[in-house]
Structure formats: C-alpha cells, structure tokens
Amino acid sequence: MPLKIARPAGIAAPAGQDFHAVGSIRRPRENRENLSVTHTEYLTLIYRLGLKPCSKKTAKYLGLSVRQLQRIYAAQASVPRPVALLLRLYNDLLASNKPAKKS
C-alpha cells in the first residue's frame, strides 16, 4: 500500500520535489535520556517541593485536575511527560539554590 502524500490545500509541489510522506517512521533522537517519572519518583518530588499529592494547590501548579492527581497517586495513571519535566526542573532548581554546608 503506497504512502499518502500530504499536500496543503491549494499548494502544488515544486517541480521535481514532493511534500513529506504521511506515516513515515520517526527515529528516536540520539543522546536522549529517559525523562519519564515513576510513581515513587513522582511522590518523592511532590513531597520535596512541599506539596500534597492530591490538593487543589498542587493541581493548580501542575495544570491538572484534582481527579487526575488522585489517579496518579493511586498509580492508576502515569505521570504526563510535561508534568514530569516540570517536576524535575523544580527539583533541580531547588537543589541548585540550597546553600553549601559549612565545614
């Protein structure tokens, strides 16, 4: 079965060229670390930030509903990737802002 060619409406392909094929295989990027967060990591990051796992305040900060937070807390749903990235960013910022211990 040939691939369908995606062409914007009303625009012809340039002579000798064609638009990208729909359904092409997407290759994973190299040197890409695993950015997902496990259930345990999620809870650790939430508590480290001083938030409660299922509060309205946490829902507001993460842009999720309280019900979705309850699903994540009960391990019925995975942590959305943008939320995982945001939590890791917050955690890294907190870690970098801590004053060094005096010896």
PDB file of N, CA and C in Angstrom:
ATOM      1  N   MET A   1       0.842  -1.170   0.000  1.00  0.00           N
ATOM      2  CA  MET A   1       0.000   0.000   0.000  1.00  0.00           C
ATOM      3  C   MET A   1       0.888   1.235   0.000  1.00  0.00           C
ATOM      4  N   PRO A   2       0.775   2.101  -0.980  1.00  0.00           N
ATOM      5  CA  PRO A   2       1.638   3.281  -1.040  1.00  0.00           C
ATOM      6  C   PRO A   2       1.265   4.298   0.039  1.00  0.00           C
ATOM      7  N   LEU A   3       2.265   5.078   0.426  1.00  0.00           N
ATOM      8  CA  LEU A   3       2.034   6.119   1.409  1.00  0.00           C
ATOM      9  C   LEU A   3       1.260   7.267   0.786  1.00  0.00           C
ATOM     10  N   LYS A   4       0.394   7.867   1.556  1.00  0.00           N
ATOM     11  CA  LYS A   4      -0.329   9.039   1.086  1.00  0.00           C
ATOM     12  C   LYS A   4       0.576  10.257   1.220  1.00  0.00           C
ATOM     13  N   ILE A   5       0.510  11.130   0.280  1.00  0.00           N
ATOM     14  CA  ILE A   5       1.330  12.331   0.301  1.00  0.00           C
ATOM     15  C   ILE A   5       0.508  13.488   0.871  1.00  0.00           C
ATOM     16  N   ALA A   6       1.079  14.164   1.863  1.00  0.00           N
ATOM     17  CA  ALA A   6       0.388  15.289   2.499  1.00  0.00           C
ATOM     18  C   ALA A   6       0.725  16.568   1.756  1.00  0.00           C
ATOM     19  N   ARG A   7      -0.261  17.191   1.187  1.00  0.00           N
ATOM     20  CA  ARG A   7      -0.085  18.460   0.499  1.00  0.00           C
ATOM     21  C   ARG A   7      -1.088  19.453   1.067  1.00  0.00           C
ATOM     22  N   PRO A   8      -0.600  20.628   1.472  1.00  0.00           N
ATOM     23  CA  PRO A   8      -1.542  21.644   1.930  1.00  0.00           C
ATOM     24  C   PRO A   8      -2.505  22.009   0.803  1.00  0.00           C
ATOM     25  N   ALA A   9      -3.727  22.300   1.152  1.00  0.00           N
ATOM     26  CA  ALA A   9      -4.752  22.616   0.156  1.00  0.00           C
ATOM     27  C   ALA A   9      -4.354  23.831  -0.668  1.00  0.00           C
ATOM     28  N   GLY A  10      -4.449  23.690  -1.972  1.00  0.00           N
ATOM     29  CA  GLY A  10      -4.194  24.798  -2.876  1.00  0.00           C
ATOM     30  C   GLY A  10      -2.737  25.062  -3.182  1.00  0.00           C
ATOM     31  N   ILE A  11      -1.823  24.245  -2.651  1.00  0.00           N
ATOM     32  CA  ILE A  11      -0.398  24.454  -2.902  1.00  0.00           C
ATOM     33  C   ILE A  11       0.135  23.260  -3.679  1.00  0.00           C
ATOM     34  N   ALA A  12       0.720  23.524  -4.807  1.00  0.00           N
ATOM     35  CA  ALA A  12       1.287  22.463  -5.623  1.00  0.00           C
ATOM     36  C   ALA A  12       2.731  22.206  -5.185  1.00  0.00           C
ATOM     37  N   ALA A  13       3.176  20.984  -5.348  1.00  0.00           N
ATOM     38  CA  ALA A  13       4.551  20.636  -5.016  1.00  0.00           C
ATOM     39  C   ALA A  13       5.486  21.276  -6.038  1.00  0.00           C
ATOM     40  N   PRO A  14       6.660  21.753  -5.598  1.00  0.00           N
ATOM     41  CA  PRO A  14       7.624  22.312  -6.531  1.00  0.00           C
ATOM     42  C   PRO A  14       8.044  21.262  -7.558  1.00  0.00           C
ATOM     43  N   ALA A  15       8.488  21.718  -8.720  1.00  0.00           N
ATOM     44  CA  ALA A  15       8.870  20.801  -9.792  1.00  0.00           C
ATOM     45  C   ALA A  15       9.994  19.880  -9.322  1.00  0.00           C
ATOM     46  N   GLY A  16       9.787  18.596  -9.489  1.00  0.00           N
ATOM     47  CA  GLY A  16      10.805  17.616  -9.132  1.00  0.00           C
ATOM     48  C   GLY A  16      10.871  17.288  -7.657  1.00  0.00           C
ATOM     49  N   GLN A  17      10.015  17.905  -6.828  1.00  0.00           N
ATOM     50  CA  GLN A  17      10.027  17.640  -5.401  1.00  0.00           C
ATOM     51  C   GLN A  17       8.646  17.200  -4.960  1.00  0.00           C
ATOM     52  N   ASP A  18       8.579  16.665  -3.766  1.00  0.00           N
ATOM     53  CA  ASP A  18       7.304  16.236  -3.225  1.00  0.00           C
ATOM     54  C   ASP A  18       7.271  16.601  -1.754  1.00  0.00           C
ATOM     55  N   PHE A  19       6.075  16.769  -1.189  1.00  0.00           N
ATOM     56  CA  PHE A  19       5.951  17.036   0.235  1.00  0.00           C
ATOM     57  C   PHE A  19       6.231  15.767   1.028  1.00  0.00           C
ATOM     58  N   HIS A  20       6.404  15.918   2.336  1.00  0.00           N
ATOM     59  CA  HIS A  20       6.736  14.776   3.192  1.00  0.00           C
ATOM     60  C   HIS A  20       5.642  13.717   3.141  1.00  0.00           C
ATOM     61  N   ALA A  21       6.048  12.493   3.340  1.00  0.00           N
ATOM     62  CA  ALA A  21       5.100  11.381   3.319  1.00  0.00           C
ATOM     63  C   ALA A  21       4.452  11.233   4.687  1.00  0.00           C
ATOM     64  N   VAL A  22       3.158  11.020   4.710  1.00  0.00           N
ATOM     65  CA  VAL A  22       2.438  10.774   5.950  1.00  0.00           C
ATOM     66  C   VAL A  22       2.686   9.327   6.353  1.00  0.00           C
ATOM     67  N   GLY A  23       2.933   9.090   7.608  1.00  0.00           N
ATOM     68  CA  GLY A  23       3.158   7.731   8.079  1.00  0.00           C
ATOM     69  C   GLY A  23       4.621   7.340   8.049  1.00  0.00           C
ATOM     70  N   SER A  24       5.509   8.304   7.910  1.00  0.00           N
ATOM     71  CA  SER A  24       6.932   7.975   7.900  1.00  0.00           C
ATOM     72  C   SER A  24       7.359   7.543   9.295  1.00  0.00           C
ATOM     73  N   ILE A  25       8.409   6.788   9.357  1.00  0.00           N
ATOM     74  CA  ILE A  25       8.902   6.257  10.628  1.00  0.00           C
ATOM     75  C   ILE A  25       9.720   7.342  11.323  1.00  0.00           C
ATOM     76  N   ARG A  26       9.373   7.590  12.568  1.00  0.00           N
ATOM     77  CA  ARG A  26      10.093   8.596  13.348  1.00  0.00           C
ATOM     78  C   ARG A  26      11.212   7.903  14.098  1.00  0.00           C
ATOM     79  N   ARG A  27      12.410   8.357  13.894  1.00  0.00           N
ATOM     80  CA  ARG A  27      13.563   7.771  14.566  1.00  0.00           C
ATOM     81  C   ARG A  27      13.765   8.457  15.907  1.00  0.00           C
ATOM     82  N   PRO A  28      14.149   7.690  16.928  1.00  0.00           N
ATOM     83  CA  PRO A  28      14.406   8.312  18.226  1.00  0.00           C
ATOM     84  C   PRO A  28      15.655   9.183  18.172  1.00  0.00           C
ATOM     85  N   ARG A  29      15.630  10.267  18.899  1.00  0.00           N
ATOM     86  CA  ARG A  29      16.778  11.159  18.938  1.00  0.00           C
ATOM     87  C   ARG A  29      17.912  10.503  19.708  1.00  0.00           C
ATOM     88  N   GLU A  30      19.113  10.777  19.281  1.00  0.00           N
ATOM     89  CA  GLU A  30      20.273  10.229  19.969  1.00  0.00           C
ATOM     90  C   GLU A  30      20.546  11.027  21.231  1.00  0.00           C
ATOM     91  N   ASN A  31      21.206  10.381  22.192  1.00  0.00           N
ATOM     92  CA  ASN A  31      21.580  11.008  23.463  1.00  0.00           C
ATOM     93  C   ASN A  31      20.380  11.591  24.199  1.00  0.00           C
ATOM     94  N   ARG A  32      19.266  10.920  24.127  1.00  0.00           N
ATOM     95  CA  ARG A  32      18.065  11.385  24.795  1.00  0.00           C
ATOM     96  C   ARG A  32      17.880  10.560  26.060  1.00  0.00           C
ATOM     97  N   GLU A  33      17.921  11.212  27.196  1.00  0.00           N
ATOM     98  CA  GLU A  33      17.767  10.484  28.442  1.00  0.00           C
ATOM     99  C   GLU A  33      16.295  10.190  28.715  1.00  0.00           C
ATOM    100  N   ASN A  34      16.073   9.222  29.582  1.00  0.00           N
ATOM    101  CA  ASN A  34      14.711   8.848  29.928  1.00  0.00           C
ATOM    102  C   ASN A  34      14.116   9.945  30.808  1.00  0.00           C
ATOM    103  N   LEU A  35      13.110  10.634  30.322  1.00  0.00           N
ATOM    104  CA  LEU A  35      12.543  11.774  31.027  1.00  0.00           C
ATOM    105  C   LEU A  35      11.230  11.449  31.731  1.00  0.00           C
ATOM    106  N   SER A  36      10.814  10.206  31.703  1.00  0.00           N
ATOM    107  CA  SER A  36       9.583   9.850  32.398  1.00  0.00           C
ATOM    108  C   SER A  36       9.850   9.748  33.897  1.00  0.00           C
ATOM    109  N   VAL A  37       8.792   9.769  34.679  1.00  0.00           N
ATOM    110  CA  VAL A  37       8.886   9.712  36.135  1.00  0.00           C
ATOM    111  C   VAL A  37       8.046   8.541  36.621  1.00  0.00           C
ATOM    112  N   THR A  38       8.610   7.718  37.487  1.00  0.00           N
ATOM    113  CA  THR A  38       7.845   6.622  38.065  1.00  0.00           C
ATOM    114  C   THR A  38       6.921   7.167  39.151  1.00  0.00           C
ATOM    115  N   HIS A  39       6.025   6.318  39.603  1.00  0.00           N
ATOM    116  CA  HIS A  39       5.079   6.699  40.652  1.00  0.00           C
ATOM    117  C   HIS A  39       5.826   7.123  41.923  1.00  0.00           C
ATOM    118  N   THR A  40       6.823   6.358  42.319  1.00  0.00           N
ATOM    119  CA  THR A  40       7.588   6.661  43.527  1.00  0.00           C
ATOM    120  C   THR A  40       8.373   7.962  43.379  1.00  0.00           C
ATOM    121  N   GLU A  41       8.983   8.161  42.220  1.00  0.00           N
ATOM    122  CA  GLU A  41       9.723   9.401  41.970  1.00  0.00           C
ATOM    123  C   GLU A  41       8.783  10.604  42.006  1.00  0.00           C
ATOM    124  N   TYR A  42       7.591  10.418  41.448  1.00  0.00           N
ATOM    125  CA  TYR A  42       6.599  11.496  41.443  1.00  0.00           C
ATOM    126  C   TYR A  42       6.259  11.912  42.878  1.00  0.00           C
ATOM    127  N   LEU A  43       5.969  10.935  43.717  1.00  0.00           N
ATOM    128  CA  LEU A  43       5.615  11.254  45.108  1.00  0.00           C
ATOM    129  C   LEU A  43       6.789  11.904  45.836  1.00  0.00           C
ATOM    130  N   THR A  44       7.996  11.409  45.592  1.00  0.00           N
ATOM    131  CA  THR A  44       9.179  11.988  46.225  1.00  0.00           C
ATOM    132  C   THR A  44       9.353  13.442  45.815  1.00  0.00           C
ATOM    133  N   LEU A  45       9.194  13.724  44.521  1.00  0.00           N
ATOM    134  CA  LEU A  45       9.339  15.099  44.035  1.00  0.00           C
ATOM    135  C   LEU A  45       8.247  16.015  44.592  1.00  0.00           C
ATOM    136  N   ILE A  46       7.027  15.517  44.659  1.00  0.00           N
ATOM    137  CA  ILE A  46       5.914  16.316  45.202  1.00  0.00           C
ATOM    138  C   ILE A  46       6.176  16.673  46.661  1.00  0.00           C
ATOM    139  N   TYR A  47       6.565  15.680  47.465  1.00  0.00           N
ATOM    140  CA  TYR A  47       6.820  15.937  48.887  1.00  0.00           C
ATOM    141  C   TYR A  47       8.030  16.852  49.068  1.00  0.00           C
ATOM    142  N   ARG A  48       9.049  16.695  48.232  1.00  0.00           N
ATOM    143  CA  ARG A  48      10.243  17.530  48.324  1.00  0.00           C
ATOM    144  C   ARG A  48       9.923  18.998  48.047  1.00  0.00           C
ATOM    145  N   LEU A  49       8.925  19.221  47.199  1.00  0.00           N
ATOM    146  CA  LEU A  49       8.503  20.590  46.895  1.00  0.00           C
ATOM    147  C   LEU A  49       7.554  21.157  47.945  1.00  0.00           C
ATOM    148  N   GLY A  50       7.190  20.350  48.927  1.00  0.00           N
ATOM    149  CA  GLY A  50       6.302  20.813  49.984  1.00  0.00           C
ATOM    150  C   GLY A  50       4.844  20.824  49.586  1.00  0.00           C
ATOM    151  N   LEU A  51       4.489  20.001  48.611  1.00  0.00           N
ATOM    152  CA  LEU A  51       3.107  19.931  48.151  1.00  0.00           C
ATOM    153  C   LEU A  51       2.451  18.645  48.632  1.00  0.00           C
ATOM    154  N   LYS A  52       1.140  18.634  48.625  1.00  0.00           N
ATOM    155  CA  LYS A  52       0.384  17.423  48.936  1.00  0.00           C
ATOM    156  C   LYS A  52      -0.020  16.773  47.613  1.00  0.00           C
ATOM    157  N   PRO A  53      -0.004  15.451  47.541  1.00  0.00           N
ATOM    158  CA  PRO A  53      -0.232  14.768  46.255  1.00  0.00           C
ATOM    159  C   PRO A  53      -1.575  15.048  45.595  1.00  0.00           C
ATOM    160  N   CYS A  54      -2.629  15.318  46.358  1.00  0.00           N
ATOM    161  CA  CYS A  54      -3.970  15.458  45.767  1.00  0.00           C
ATOM    162  C   CYS A  54      -4.663  16.765  46.136  1.00  0.00           C
ATOM    163  N   SER A  55      -3.889  17.813  46.376  1.00  0.00           N
ATOM    164  CA  SER A  55      -4.508  19.082  46.780  1.00  0.00           C
ATOM    165  C   SER A  55      -4.845  19.966  45.581  1.00  0.00           C
ATOM    166  N   LYS A  56      -5.720  20.918  45.819  1.00  0.00           N
ATOM    167  CA  LYS A  56      -6.086  21.874  44.769  1.00  0.00           C
ATOM    168  C   LYS A  56      -4.891  22.737  44.389  1.00  0.00           C
ATOM    169  N   LYS A  57      -4.053  23.040  45.373  1.00  0.00           N
ATOM    170  CA  LYS A  57      -2.857  23.848  45.123  1.00  0.00           C
ATOM    171  C   LYS A  57      -1.909  23.123  44.162  1.00  0.00           C
ATOM    172  N   THR A  58      -1.694  21.845  44.389  1.00  0.00           N
ATOM    173  CA  THR A  58      -0.838  21.047  43.507  1.00  0.00           C
ATOM    174  C   THR A  58      -1.443  20.963  42.116  1.00  0.00           C
ATOM    175  N   ALA A  59      -2.749  20.767  42.046  1.00  0.00           N
ATOM    176  CA  ALA A  59      -3.437  20.693  40.754  1.00  0.00           C
ATOM    177  C   ALA A  59      -3.261  21.999  39.984  1.00  0.00           C
ATOM    178  N   LYS A  60      -3.361  23.116  40.680  1.00  0.00           N
ATOM    179  CA  LYS A  60      -3.199  24.423  40.038  1.00  0.00           C
ATOM    180  C   LYS A  60      -1.778  24.597  39.518  1.00  0.00           C
ATOM    181  N   TYR A  61      -0.781  24.250  40.316  1.00  0.00           N
ATOM    182  CA  TYR A  61       0.617  24.420  39.915  1.00  0.00           C
ATOM    183  C   TYR A  61       0.996  23.528  38.745  1.00  0.00           C
ATOM    184  N   LEU A  62       0.456  22.310  38.709  1.00  0.00           N
ATOM    185  CA  LEU A  62       0.828  21.355  37.660  1.00  0.00           C
ATOM    186  C   LEU A  62      -0.091  21.414  36.451  1.00  0.00           C
ATOM    187  N   GLY A  63      -1.202  22.145  36.558  1.00  0.00           N
ATOM    188  CA  GLY A  63      -2.121  22.258  35.434  1.00  0.00           C
ATOM    189  C   GLY A  63      -2.938  21.004  35.202  1.00  0.00           C
ATOM    190  N   LEU A  64      -3.205  20.270  36.259  1.00  0.00           N
ATOM    191  CA  LEU A  64      -4.006  19.049  36.184  1.00  0.00           C
ATOM    192  C   LEU A  64      -5.233  19.196  37.064  1.00  0.00           C
ATOM    193  N   SER A  65      -6.190  18.300  36.885  1.00  0.00           N
ATOM    194  CA  SER A  65      -7.356  18.295  37.764  1.00  0.00           C
ATOM    195  C   SER A  65      -7.024  17.504  39.028  1.00  0.00           C
ATOM    196  N   VAL A  66      -7.784  17.753  40.070  1.00  0.00           N
ATOM    197  CA  VAL A  66      -7.589  17.013  41.321  1.00  0.00           C
ATOM    198  C   VAL A  66      -7.834  15.527  41.081  1.00  0.00           C
ATOM    199  N   ARG A  67      -8.829  15.209  40.266  1.00  0.00           N
ATOM    200  CA  ARG A  67      -9.119  13.797  39.964  1.00  0.00           C
ATOM    201  C   ARG A  67      -7.937  13.128  39.265  1.00  0.00           C
ATOM    202  N   GLN A  68      -7.278  13.834  38.348  1.00  0.00           N
ATOM    203  CA  GLN A  68      -6.110  13.255  37.679  1.00  0.00           C
ATOM    204  C   GLN A  68      -4.976  13.038  38.676  1.00  0.00           C
ATOM    205  N   LEU A  69      -4.805  13.960  39.612  1.00  0.00           N
ATOM    206  CA  LEU A  69      -3.790  13.775  40.655  1.00  0.00           C
ATOM    207  C   LEU A  69      -4.111  12.545  41.506  1.00  0.00           C
ATOM    208  N   GLN A  70      -5.398  12.330  41.778  1.00  0.00           N
ATOM    209  CA  GLN A  70      -5.790  11.147  42.547  1.00  0.00           C
ATOM    210  C   GLN A  70      -5.470   9.869  41.786  1.00  0.00           C
ATOM    211  N   ARG A  71      -5.678   9.886  40.472  1.00  0.00           N
ATOM    212  CA  ARG A  71      -5.351   8.712  39.653  1.00  0.00           C
ATOM    213  C   ARG A  71      -3.847   8.441  39.651  1.00  0.00           C
ATOM    214  N   ILE A  72      -3.056   9.503  39.555  1.00  0.00           N
ATOM    215  CA  ILE A  72      -1.603   9.333  39.584  1.00  0.00           C
ATOM    216  C   ILE A  72      -1.171   8.833  40.953  1.00  0.00           C
ATOM    217  N   TYR A  73      -1.751   9.398  42.015  1.00  0.00           N
ATOM    218  CA  TYR A  73      -1.407   8.990  43.384  1.00  0.00           C
ATOM    219  C   TYR A  73      -1.725   7.515  43.621  1.00  0.00           C
ATOM    220  N   ALA A  74      -2.825   7.042  43.059  1.00  0.00           N
ATOM    221  CA  ALA A  74      -3.227   5.643  43.218  1.00  0.00           C
ATOM    222  C   ALA A  74      -2.545   4.728  42.204  1.00  0.00           C
ATOM    223  N   ALA A  75      -1.649   5.268  41.394  1.00  0.00           N
ATOM    224  CA  ALA A  75      -0.919   4.527  40.354  1.00  0.00           C
ATOM    225  C   ALA A  75      -1.861   3.942  39.307  1.00  0.00           C
ATOM    226  N   GLN A  76      -2.990   4.600  39.076  1.00  0.00           N
ATOM    227  CA  GLN A  76      -3.920   4.181  38.037  1.00  0.00           C
ATOM    228  C   GLN A  76      -3.623   4.877  36.718  1.00  0.00           C
ATOM    229  N   ALA A  77      -2.842   5.956  36.794  1.00  0.00           N
ATOM    230  CA  ALA A  77      -2.466   6.698  35.596  1.00  0.00           C
ATOM    231  C   ALA A  77      -0.989   7.053  35.695  1.00  0.00           C
ATOM    232  N   SER A  78      -0.345   7.165  34.549  1.00  0.00           N
ATOM    233  CA  SER A  78       1.062   7.554  34.549  1.00  0.00           C
ATOM    234  C   SER A  78       1.172   9.074  34.615  1.00  0.00           C
ATOM    235  N   VAL A  79       2.343   9.525  34.995  1.00  0.00           N
ATOM    236  CA  VAL A  79       2.590  10.963  35.085  1.00  0.00           C
ATOM    237  C   VAL A  79       2.789  11.507  33.675  1.00  0.00           C
ATOM    238  N   PRO A  80       2.022  12.527  33.264  1.00  0.00           N
ATOM    239  CA  PRO A  80       2.214  13.099  31.929  1.00  0.00           C
ATOM    240  C   PRO A  80       3.633  13.645  31.777  1.00  0.00           C
ATOM    241  N   ARG A  81       4.188  13.481  30.589  1.00  0.00           N
ATOM    242  CA  ARG A  81       5.571  13.876  30.359  1.00  0.00           C
ATOM    243  C   ARG A  81       5.838  15.358  30.658  1.00  0.00           C
ATOM    244  N   PRO A  82       4.970  16.301  30.251  1.00  0.00           N
ATOM    245  CA  PRO A  82       5.241  17.707  30.599  1.00  0.00           C
ATOM    246  C   PRO A  82       5.290  17.935  32.108  1.00  0.00           C
ATOM    247  N   VAL A  83       4.449  17.227  32.857  1.00  0.00           N
ATOM    248  CA  VAL A  83       4.448  17.351  34.317  1.00  0.00           C
ATOM    249  C   VAL A  83       5.742  16.773  34.876  1.00  0.00           C
ATOM    250  N   ALA A  84       6.189  15.653  34.336  1.00  0.00           N
ATOM    251  CA  ALA A  84       7.444  15.044  34.782  1.00  0.00           C
ATOM    252  C   ALA A  84       8.614  15.996  34.546  1.00  0.00           C
ATOM    253  N   LEU A  85       8.639  16.621  33.378  1.00  0.00           N
ATOM    254  CA  LEU A  85       9.709  17.581  33.077  1.00  0.00           C
ATOM    255  C   LEU A  85       9.670  18.771  34.032  1.00  0.00           C
ATOM    256  N   LEU A  86       8.458  19.262  34.306  1.00  0.00           N
ATOM    257  CA  LEU A  86       8.305  20.400  35.213  1.00  0.00           C
ATOM    258  C   LEU A  86       8.773  20.045  36.625  1.00  0.00           C
ATOM    259  N   LEU A  87       8.395  18.881  37.113  1.00  0.00           N
ATOM    260  CA  LEU A  87       8.804  18.466  38.460  1.00  0.00           C
ATOM    261  C   LEU A  87      10.317  18.299  38.544  1.00  0.00           C
ATOM    262  N   ARG A  88      10.910  17.719  37.511  1.00  0.00           N
ATOM    263  CA  ARG A  88      12.377  17.574  37.521  1.00  0.00           C
ATOM    264  C   ARG A  88      13.060  18.935  37.487  1.00  0.00           C
ATOM    265  N   LEU A  89      12.494  19.871  36.739  1.00  0.00           N
ATOM    266  CA  LEU A  89      13.052  21.224  36.689  1.00  0.00           C
ATOM    267  C   LEU A  89      12.972  21.887  38.063  1.00  0.00           C
ATOM    268  N   TYR A  90      11.806  21.817  38.708  1.00  0.00           N
ATOM    269  CA  TYR A  90      11.654  22.376  40.050  1.00  0.00           C
ATOM    270  C   TYR A  90      12.657  21.758  41.012  1.00  0.00           C
ATOM    271  N   ASN A  91      12.800  20.442  40.936  1.00  0.00           N
ATOM    272  CA  ASN A  91      13.712  19.740  41.825  1.00  0.00           C
ATOM    273  C   ASN A  91      15.155  20.191  41.593  1.00  0.00           C
ATOM    274  N   ASP A  92      15.564  20.317  40.342  1.00  0.00           N
ATOM    275  CA  ASP A  92      16.921  20.756  40.031  1.00  0.00           C
ATOM    276  C   ASP A  92      17.159  22.190  40.495  1.00  0.00           C
ATOM    277  N   LEU A  93      16.144  23.047  40.339  1.00  0.00           N
ATOM    278  CA  LEU A  93      16.285  24.429  40.799  1.00  0.00           C
ATOM    279  C   LEU A  93      16.408  24.504  42.315  1.00  0.00           C
ATOM    280  N   LEU A  94      15.625  23.704  43.021  1.00  0.00           N
ATOM    281  CA  LEU A  94      15.725  23.674  44.484  1.00  0.00           C
ATOM    282  C   LEU A  94      17.087  23.174  44.926  1.00  0.00           C
ATOM    283  N   ALA A  95      17.585  22.141  44.253  1.00  0.00           N
ATOM    284  CA  ALA A  95      18.883  21.568  44.619  1.00  0.00           C
ATOM    285  C   ALA A  95      20.012  22.559  44.364  1.00  0.00           C
ATOM    286  N   SER A  96      19.913  23.339  43.293  1.00  0.00           N
ATOM    287  CA  SER A  96      20.987  24.284  42.977  1.00  0.00           C
ATOM    288  C   SER A  96      20.939  25.535  43.851  1.00  0.00           C
ATOM    289  N   ASN A  97      19.791  25.837  44.472  1.00  0.00           N
ATOM    290  CA  ASN A  97      19.660  27.031  45.314  1.00  0.00           C
ATOM    291  C   ASN A  97      19.948  26.778  46.783  1.00  0.00           C
ATOM    292  N   LYS A  98      20.201  25.530  47.166  1.00  0.00           N
ATOM    293  CA  LYS A  98      20.497  25.247  48.567  1.00  0.00           C
ATOM    294  C   LYS A  98      21.894  25.745  48.894  1.00  0.00           C
ATOM    295  N   PRO A  99      22.034  26.438  50.036  1.00  0.00           N
ATOM    296  CA  PRO A  99      23.385  26.905  50.406  1.00  0.00           C
ATOM    297  C   PRO A  99      24.279  25.731  50.789  1.00  0.00           C
ATOM    298  N   ALA A 100      25.546  25.869  50.509  1.00  0.00           N
ATOM    299  CA  ALA A 100      26.501  24.808  50.825  1.00  0.00           C
ATOM    300  C   ALA A 100      26.683  24.741  52.342  1.00  0.00           C
ATOM    301  N   LYS A 101      26.883  23.523  52.835  1.00  0.00           N
ATOM    302  CA  LYS A 101      27.103  23.342  54.270  1.00  0.00           C
ATOM    303  C   LYS A 101      28.483  23.809  54.651  1.00  0.00           C
ATOM    304  N   LYS A 102      28.569  24.489  55.804  1.00  0.00           N
ATOM    305  CA  LYS A 102      29.865  24.955  56.284  1.00  0.00           C
ATOM    306  C   LYS A 102      30.563  23.825  57.007  1.00  0.00           C
ATOM    307  N   SER A 103      31.868  23.694  56.753  1.00  0.00           N
ATOM    308  CA  SER A 103      32.598  22.620  57.431  1.00  0.00           C
ATOM    309  C   SER A 103      33.343  23.133  58.627  1.00  0.00           C
TER     310      SER A 103
END
